[in-house]
Amino acid sequence: MNTIEAKVKEIQSVENLNIVKFDFHKTTLIMMSLELNKDVKIESKIKLSTKSTHIGIAKSFNGDISYSNQLKAKIINIDNGKLLSSVTVKVYDSLLESIITKESCQKMNLQVGETITVFIEANELSILEILND
């Protein structure tokens, strides 16, 4: 499980649908949720989580895409298995792991030290913990 610490900067709610925007090192992350803990408020410090299989990777990405969360990252490790590859990246002070097919990893010729773009859909982010005292 990947985690990122961020601060709530905006909450939009219509009926039971919530769009929450977070500040993560002056980058906006967006989460879509059907349920929102009543203790989540503007300025709340939050630990967000996402699964490794929910993080996409693009190399030399240039264009429009529907993924709300796009972050530049540096590859720090690649572990190739028989079918899957675990790609560990650093985004600011956070380490994230993306699990992709080995075929995709090889097709993109991913290399340690490269800067890539990671993608996380808004519905794949969730609040793991409220960090406020």
C-alpha atoms as a PDB file:
ATOM      1  CA  MET A   1       0.000   0.000   0.000  1.00  0.00           C
ATOM      2  CA  ASN A   2       1.297   3.440  -0.966  1.00  0.00           C
ATOM      3  CA  THR A   3       0.788   6.443   1.293  1.00  0.00           C
ATOM      4  CA  ILE A   4       1.089  10.192   0.791  1.00  0.00           C
ATOM      5  CA  GLU A   5       0.647  12.913   3.391  1.00  0.00           C
ATOM      6  CA  ALA A   6      -1.309  15.941   2.216  1.00  0.00           C
ATOM      7  CA  LYS A   7      -3.523  18.754   3.468  1.00  0.00           C
ATOM      8  CA  VAL A   8      -7.197  19.206   2.551  1.00  0.00           C
ATOM      9  CA  LYS A   9      -7.686  22.427   0.596  1.00  0.00           C
ATOM     10  CA  GLU A  10     -11.212  22.061  -0.821  1.00  0.00           C
ATOM     11  CA  ILE A  11     -14.274  19.851  -0.367  1.00  0.00           C
ATOM     12  CA  GLN A  12     -17.149  19.747  -2.869  1.00  0.00           C
ATOM     13  CA  SER A  13     -20.208  17.662  -2.006  1.00  0.00           C
ATOM     14  CA  VAL A  14     -23.416  16.893  -3.856  1.00  0.00           C
ATOM     15  CA  GLU A  15     -25.680  14.440  -2.049  1.00  0.00           C
ATOM     16  CA  ASN A  16     -23.326  11.576  -1.111  1.00  0.00           C
ATOM     17  CA  LEU A  17     -20.656  12.298  -3.747  1.00  0.00           C
ATOM     18  CA  ASN A  18     -17.538  14.126  -2.552  1.00  0.00           C
ATOM     19  CA  ILE A  19     -14.639  15.594  -4.487  1.00  0.00           C
ATOM     20  CA  VAL A  20     -11.788  16.472  -2.150  1.00  0.00           C
ATOM     21  CA  LYS A  21      -8.739  18.427  -3.257  1.00  0.00           C
ATOM     22  CA  PHE A  22      -5.476  18.117  -1.374  1.00  0.00           C
ATOM     23  CA  ASP A  23      -2.255  20.104  -1.337  1.00  0.00           C
ATOM     24  CA  PHE A  24       0.733  17.789  -1.784  1.00  0.00           C
ATOM     25  CA  HIS A  25       3.900  19.894  -2.028  1.00  0.00           C
ATOM     26  CA  LYS A  26       1.980  22.646  -3.888  1.00  0.00           C
ATOM     27  CA  THR A  27       0.565  20.040  -6.276  1.00  0.00           C
ATOM     28  CA  THR A  28      -3.183  19.408  -6.231  1.00  0.00           C
ATOM     29  CA  LEU A  29      -4.336  15.830  -5.743  1.00  0.00           C
ATOM     30  CA  ILE A  30      -8.013  14.988  -6.237  1.00  0.00           C
ATOM     31  CA  MET A  31     -10.014  12.230  -4.554  1.00  0.00           C
ATOM     32  CA  MET A  32     -13.556  11.159  -5.414  1.00  0.00           C
ATOM     33  CA  SER A  33     -15.495   9.434  -2.647  1.00  0.00           C
ATOM     34  CA  LEU A  34     -19.036   8.333  -1.883  1.00  0.00           C
ATOM     35  CA  GLU A  35     -18.409   8.550   1.863  1.00  0.00           C
ATOM     36  CA  LEU A  36     -16.412  11.168   3.729  1.00  0.00           C
ATOM     37  CA  ASN A  37     -15.534  11.071   7.404  1.00  0.00           C
ATOM     38  CA  LYS A  38     -17.149  14.050   9.167  1.00  0.00           C
ATOM     39  CA  ASP A  39     -13.768  14.867  10.753  1.00  0.00           C
ATOM     40  CA  VAL A  40     -12.241  15.677   7.356  1.00  0.00           C
ATOM     41  CA  LYS A  41     -12.176  19.471   7.144  1.00  0.00           C
ATOM     42  CA  ILE A  42     -10.317  22.156   5.207  1.00  0.00           C
ATOM     43  CA  GLU A  43      -6.688  22.271   6.451  1.00  0.00           C
ATOM     44  CA  SER A  44      -6.880  18.722   7.880  1.00  0.00           C
ATOM     45  CA  LYS A  45      -3.635  16.811   7.501  1.00  0.00           C
ATOM     46  CA  ILE A  46      -4.406  13.475   5.883  1.00  0.00           C
ATOM     47  CA  LYS A  47      -2.594  10.269   5.012  1.00  0.00           C
ATOM     48  CA  LEU A  48      -3.847   9.162   1.591  1.00  0.00           C
ATOM     49  CA  SER A  49      -3.428   5.672   0.236  1.00  0.00           C
ATOM     50  CA  THR A  50      -3.612   3.829  -3.052  1.00  0.00           C
ATOM     51  CA  LYS A  51      -2.772   0.321  -4.196  1.00  0.00           C
ATOM     52  CA  SER A  52       0.366  -0.343  -6.209  1.00  0.00           C
ATOM     53  CA  THR A  53      -1.755  -1.818  -8.990  1.00  0.00           C
ATOM     54  CA  HIS A  54      -3.642   1.487  -9.273  1.00  0.00           C
ATOM     55  CA  ILE A  55      -0.622   3.596 -10.191  1.00  0.00           C
ATOM     56  CA  GLY A  56      -0.022   3.972 -13.912  1.00  0.00           C
ATOM     57  CA  ILE A  57       3.254   5.057 -15.487  1.00  0.00           C
ATOM     58  CA  ALA A  58       4.003   7.067 -18.611  1.00  0.00           C
ATOM     59  CA  LYS A  59       7.355   7.852 -20.159  1.00  0.00           C
ATOM     60  CA  SER A  60       7.723  11.087 -22.134  1.00  0.00           C
ATOM     61  CA  PHE A  61       4.022  11.832 -21.616  1.00  0.00           C
ATOM     62  CA  ASN A  62       2.681  14.870 -23.450  1.00  0.00           C
ATOM     63  CA  GLY A  63      -1.046  15.294 -23.865  1.00  0.00           C
ATOM     64  CA  ASP A  64      -4.421  15.214 -22.199  1.00  0.00           C
ATOM     65  CA  ILE A  65      -5.674  12.295 -20.129  1.00  0.00           C
ATOM     66  CA  SER A  66      -8.617  11.813 -17.780  1.00  0.00           C
ATOM     67  CA  TYR A  67      -6.486  10.832 -14.774  1.00  0.00           C
ATOM     68  CA  SER A  68      -6.922  13.633 -12.228  1.00  0.00           C
ATOM     69  CA  ASN A  69      -3.630  12.991 -10.477  1.00  0.00           C
ATOM     70  CA  GLN A  70      -0.443  13.284 -12.497  1.00  0.00           C
ATOM     71  CA  LEU A  71       2.887  13.523 -10.702  1.00  0.00           C
ATOM     72  CA  LYS A  72       6.443  13.715 -11.958  1.00  0.00           C
ATOM     73  CA  ALA A  73       8.549  11.029 -10.318  1.00  0.00           C
ATOM     74  CA  LYS A  74      12.047   9.602 -10.464  1.00  0.00           C
ATOM     75  CA  ILE A  75      12.523   5.832 -10.805  1.00  0.00           C
ATOM     76  CA  ILE A  76      14.681   4.556  -7.962  1.00  0.00           C
ATOM     77  CA  ASN A  77      14.248   0.795  -8.369  1.00  0.00           C
ATOM     78  CA  ILE A  78      12.869  -1.742 -10.835  1.00  0.00           C
ATOM     79  CA  ASP A  79      12.290  -5.345  -9.817  1.00  0.00           C
ATOM     80  CA  ASN A  80      11.295  -7.565 -12.736  1.00  0.00           C
ATOM     81  CA  GLY A  81       9.501 -10.822 -11.996  1.00  0.00           C
ATOM     82  CA  LYS A  82       8.348 -13.432 -14.486  1.00  0.00           C
ATOM     83  CA  LEU A  83       5.112 -11.592 -15.340  1.00  0.00           C
ATOM     84  CA  LEU A  84       5.067  -8.349 -13.357  1.00  0.00           C
ATOM     85  CA  SER A  85       7.449  -5.503 -12.616  1.00  0.00           C
ATOM     86  CA  SER A  86       7.577  -3.497  -9.406  1.00  0.00           C
ATOM     87  CA  VAL A  87       8.679   0.062 -10.168  1.00  0.00           C
ATOM     88  CA  THR A  88       9.563   2.180  -7.126  1.00  0.00           C
ATOM     89  CA  VAL A  89       9.511   5.927  -7.680  1.00  0.00           C
ATOM     90  CA  LYS A  90      10.194   8.984  -5.563  1.00  0.00           C
ATOM     91  CA  VAL A  91       7.693  11.846  -5.649  1.00  0.00           C
ATOM     92  CA  TYR A  92       8.965  14.709  -3.485  1.00  0.00           C
ATOM     93  CA  ASP A  93       9.594  12.980  -0.127  1.00  0.00           C
ATOM     94  CA  SER A  94       7.324   9.984  -0.767  1.00  0.00           C
ATOM     95  CA  LEU A  95       8.121   6.581  -2.228  1.00  0.00           C
ATOM     96  CA  LEU A  96       5.442   4.924  -4.352  1.00  0.00           C
ATOM     97  CA  GLU A  97       5.354   1.492  -5.914  1.00  0.00           C
ATOM     98  CA  SER A  98       3.660   0.763  -9.219  1.00  0.00           C
ATOM     99  CA  ILE A  99       2.980  -2.812 -10.261  1.00  0.00           C
ATOM    100  CA  ILE A 100       2.818  -3.111 -14.059  1.00  0.00           C
ATOM    101  CA  THR A 101       3.268  -5.967 -16.477  1.00  0.00           C
ATOM    102  CA  LYS A 102       6.855  -6.904 -17.217  1.00  0.00           C
ATOM    103  CA  GLU A 103       5.986  -6.529 -20.902  1.00  0.00           C
ATOM    104  CA  SER A 104       4.965  -2.869 -20.375  1.00  0.00           C
ATOM    105  CA  CYS A 105       8.115  -2.190 -18.365  1.00  0.00           C
ATOM    106  CA  GLN A 106      10.277  -3.604 -21.135  1.00  0.00           C
ATOM    107  CA  LYS A 107       8.281  -1.918 -23.926  1.00  0.00           C
ATOM    108  CA  MET A 108       8.824   1.479 -22.258  1.00  0.00           C
ATOM    109  CA  ASN A 109      12.476   0.591 -21.572  1.00  0.00           C
ATOM    110  CA  LEU A 110      12.159   1.979 -18.036  1.00  0.00           C
ATOM    111  CA  GLN A 111      15.499   2.736 -16.368  1.00  0.00           C
ATOM    112  CA  VAL A 112      16.522   3.638 -12.808  1.00  0.00           C
ATOM    113  CA  GLY A 113      17.164   7.380 -12.607  1.00  0.00           C
ATOM    114  CA  GLU A 114      14.630   8.329 -15.286  1.00  0.00           C
ATOM    115  CA  THR A 115      11.935  10.912 -14.680  1.00  0.00           C
ATOM    116  CA  ILE A 116       8.479   9.604 -15.545  1.00  0.00           C
ATOM    117  CA  THR A 117       4.867  10.585 -14.893  1.00  0.00           C
ATOM    118  CA  VAL A 118       2.723   8.567 -12.503  1.00  0.00           C
ATOM    119  CA  PHE A 119      -1.064   8.588 -12.778  1.00  0.00           C
ATOM    120  CA  ILE A 120      -3.645   7.883 -10.074  1.00  0.00           C
ATOM    121  CA  GLU A 121      -7.365   8.084 -10.770  1.00  0.00           C
ATOM    122  CA  ALA A 122      -9.366  10.184  -8.318  1.00  0.00           C
ATOM    123  CA  ASN A 123     -11.475   7.176  -7.331  1.00  0.00           C
ATOM    124  CA  GLU A 124      -8.330   5.159  -6.502  1.00  0.00           C
ATOM    125  CA  LEU A 125      -7.180   7.524  -3.726  1.00  0.00           C
ATOM    126  CA  SER A 126      -8.612   7.039  -0.272  1.00  0.00           C
ATOM    127  CA  ILE A 127      -8.138   8.538   3.165  1.00  0.00           C
ATOM    128  CA  LEU A 128      -6.204   6.138   5.347  1.00  0.00           C
ATOM    129  CA  GLU A 129      -5.851   8.348   8.404  1.00  0.00           C
ATOM    130  CA  ILE A 130      -6.544  11.859   9.694  1.00  0.00           C
ATOM    131  CA  LEU A 131      -3.248  13.090  11.137  1.00  0.00           C
ATOM    132  CA  ASN A 132      -4.426  16.132  13.094  1.00  0.00           C
ATOM    133  CA  ASP A 133      -3.740  16.089  16.824  1.00  0.00           C
END
